[in-house]
């Protein structure tokens, strides 16, 4: 896990809900920012990877916030309901 803030290497690697998240911050036209990201989850045959990109935002912080919203949405839609420990009693 780390952050680099170089002009050509502005990336952030984090872990969310047990998944590795890689965010690359890229300058966009008109002094805006966008993010290209990758979410990697699972192990062995259950490993999955999903890439995404944000629309240009007015600031780097706004681009990061949008990227994290996208990651949260992706992780929320990947819940494995077969591993739920809740039993339904009828």
Protein backbone atom coordinates (compact mmCIF):
# COMPACT_ATOMS: atom_id res chain seq x y z
CA UNK A 1 0.00 0.00 0.00
CA UNK A 2 1.42 3.36 -0.94
CA UNK A 3 1.09 6.63 -2.73
CA UNK A 4 3.36 8.27 -5.26
CA UNK A 5 2.83 11.85 -6.36
CA UNK A 6 5.19 12.18 -9.31
CA UNK A 7 3.83 13.96 -12.41
CA UNK A 8 3.91 10.79 -14.54
CA UNK A 9 3.50 8.30 -11.72
CA UNK A 10 0.62 9.60 -9.61
CA UNK A 11 -0.89 6.37 -8.26
CA UNK A 12 -2.52 5.09 -5.10
CA UNK A 13 -2.85 1.44 -4.08
CA UNK A 14 -5.33 0.63 -1.33
CA UNK A 15 -7.29 -2.34 0.02
CA UNK A 16 -11.08 -2.10 0.24
CA UNK A 17 -13.25 -4.98 1.46
CA UNK A 18 -10.30 -7.32 1.01
CA UNK A 19 -9.78 -6.33 -2.63
CA UNK A 20 -6.73 -4.62 -4.09
CA UNK A 21 -7.57 -1.26 -5.65
CA UNK A 22 -5.12 0.55 -7.95
CA UNK A 23 -5.88 4.17 -8.87
CA UNK A 24 -3.87 6.08 -11.48
CA UNK A 25 -4.45 9.84 -11.51
CA UNK A 26 -4.16 11.43 -14.94
CA UNK A 27 -4.31 15.07 -16.00
CA UNK A 28 -7.24 15.89 -18.26
CA UNK A 29 -7.79 18.94 -20.52
CA UNK A 30 -8.59 22.30 -18.94
CA UNK A 31 -6.66 21.60 -15.70
CA UNK A 32 -8.95 18.73 -14.75
CA UNK A 33 -8.21 15.21 -13.47
CA UNK A 34 -9.45 11.72 -14.21
CA UNK A 35 -8.71 8.32 -12.71
CA UNK A 36 -8.11 4.95 -14.34
CA UNK A 37 -8.57 2.20 -11.79
CA UNK A 38 -8.45 -1.55 -11.34
CA UNK A 39 -10.13 -3.66 -8.65
CA UNK A 40 -8.73 -7.16 -8.05
CA UNK A 41 -10.60 -9.61 -5.80
CA UNK A 42 -10.57 -13.30 -5.00
CA UNK A 43 -8.03 -16.08 -5.04
CA UNK A 44 -7.06 -18.86 -7.43
CA UNK A 45 -9.93 -19.86 -9.75
CA UNK A 46 -12.22 -17.26 -8.14
CA UNK A 47 -9.91 -14.34 -8.97
CA UNK A 48 -11.55 -11.45 -10.83
CA UNK A 49 -10.40 -8.08 -12.08
CA UNK A 50 -12.48 -5.09 -13.14
CA UNK A 51 -11.16 -1.88 -14.70
CA UNK A 52 -12.88 1.49 -14.82
CA UNK A 53 -12.21 5.14 -15.53
CA UNK A 54 -13.83 8.33 -14.34
CA UNK A 55 -14.95 11.33 -16.32
CA UNK A 56 -12.73 14.41 -15.92
CA UNK A 57 -13.28 16.19 -12.60
CA UNK A 58 -12.42 19.74 -11.48
CA UNK A 59 -9.77 18.59 -8.97
CA UNK A 60 -7.63 15.58 -8.13
CA UNK A 61 -9.61 15.17 -4.90
CA UNK A 62 -12.92 15.16 -6.78
CA UNK A 63 -11.53 12.58 -9.22
CA UNK A 64 -10.43 10.39 -6.29
CA UNK A 65 -13.84 10.71 -4.62
CA UNK A 66 -15.57 9.68 -7.87
CA UNK A 67 -13.19 6.73 -8.26
CA UNK A 68 -13.91 5.56 -4.71
CA UNK A 69 -17.66 5.80 -5.39
CA UNK A 70 -17.14 3.61 -8.46
CA UNK A 71 -15.11 1.07 -6.46
CA UNK A 72 -17.78 0.97 -3.74
CA UNK A 73 -20.42 0.32 -6.40
CA UNK A 74 -18.35 -2.45 -7.98
CA UNK A 75 -17.70 -4.11 -4.63
CA UNK A 76 -21.34 -3.82 -3.61
CA UNK A 77 -22.45 -5.64 -6.75
CA UNK A 78 -19.99 -8.50 -6.18
CA UNK A 79 -21.40 -9.81 -2.90
CA UNK A 80 -21.35 -13.60 -2.89
CA UNK A 81 -24.69 -14.54 -1.39
CA UNK A 82 -23.70 -18.22 -1.21
CA UNK A 83 -21.30 -17.49 1.65
CA UNK A 84 -23.87 -15.78 3.86
CA UNK A 85 -23.93 -17.16 7.40
CA UNK A 86 -27.52 -16.09 7.93
CA UNK A 87 -30.03 -18.92 7.85
CA UNK A 88 -33.60 -18.24 6.84
CA UNK A 89 -36.06 -20.10 9.03
CA UNK A 90 -39.47 -20.66 7.52
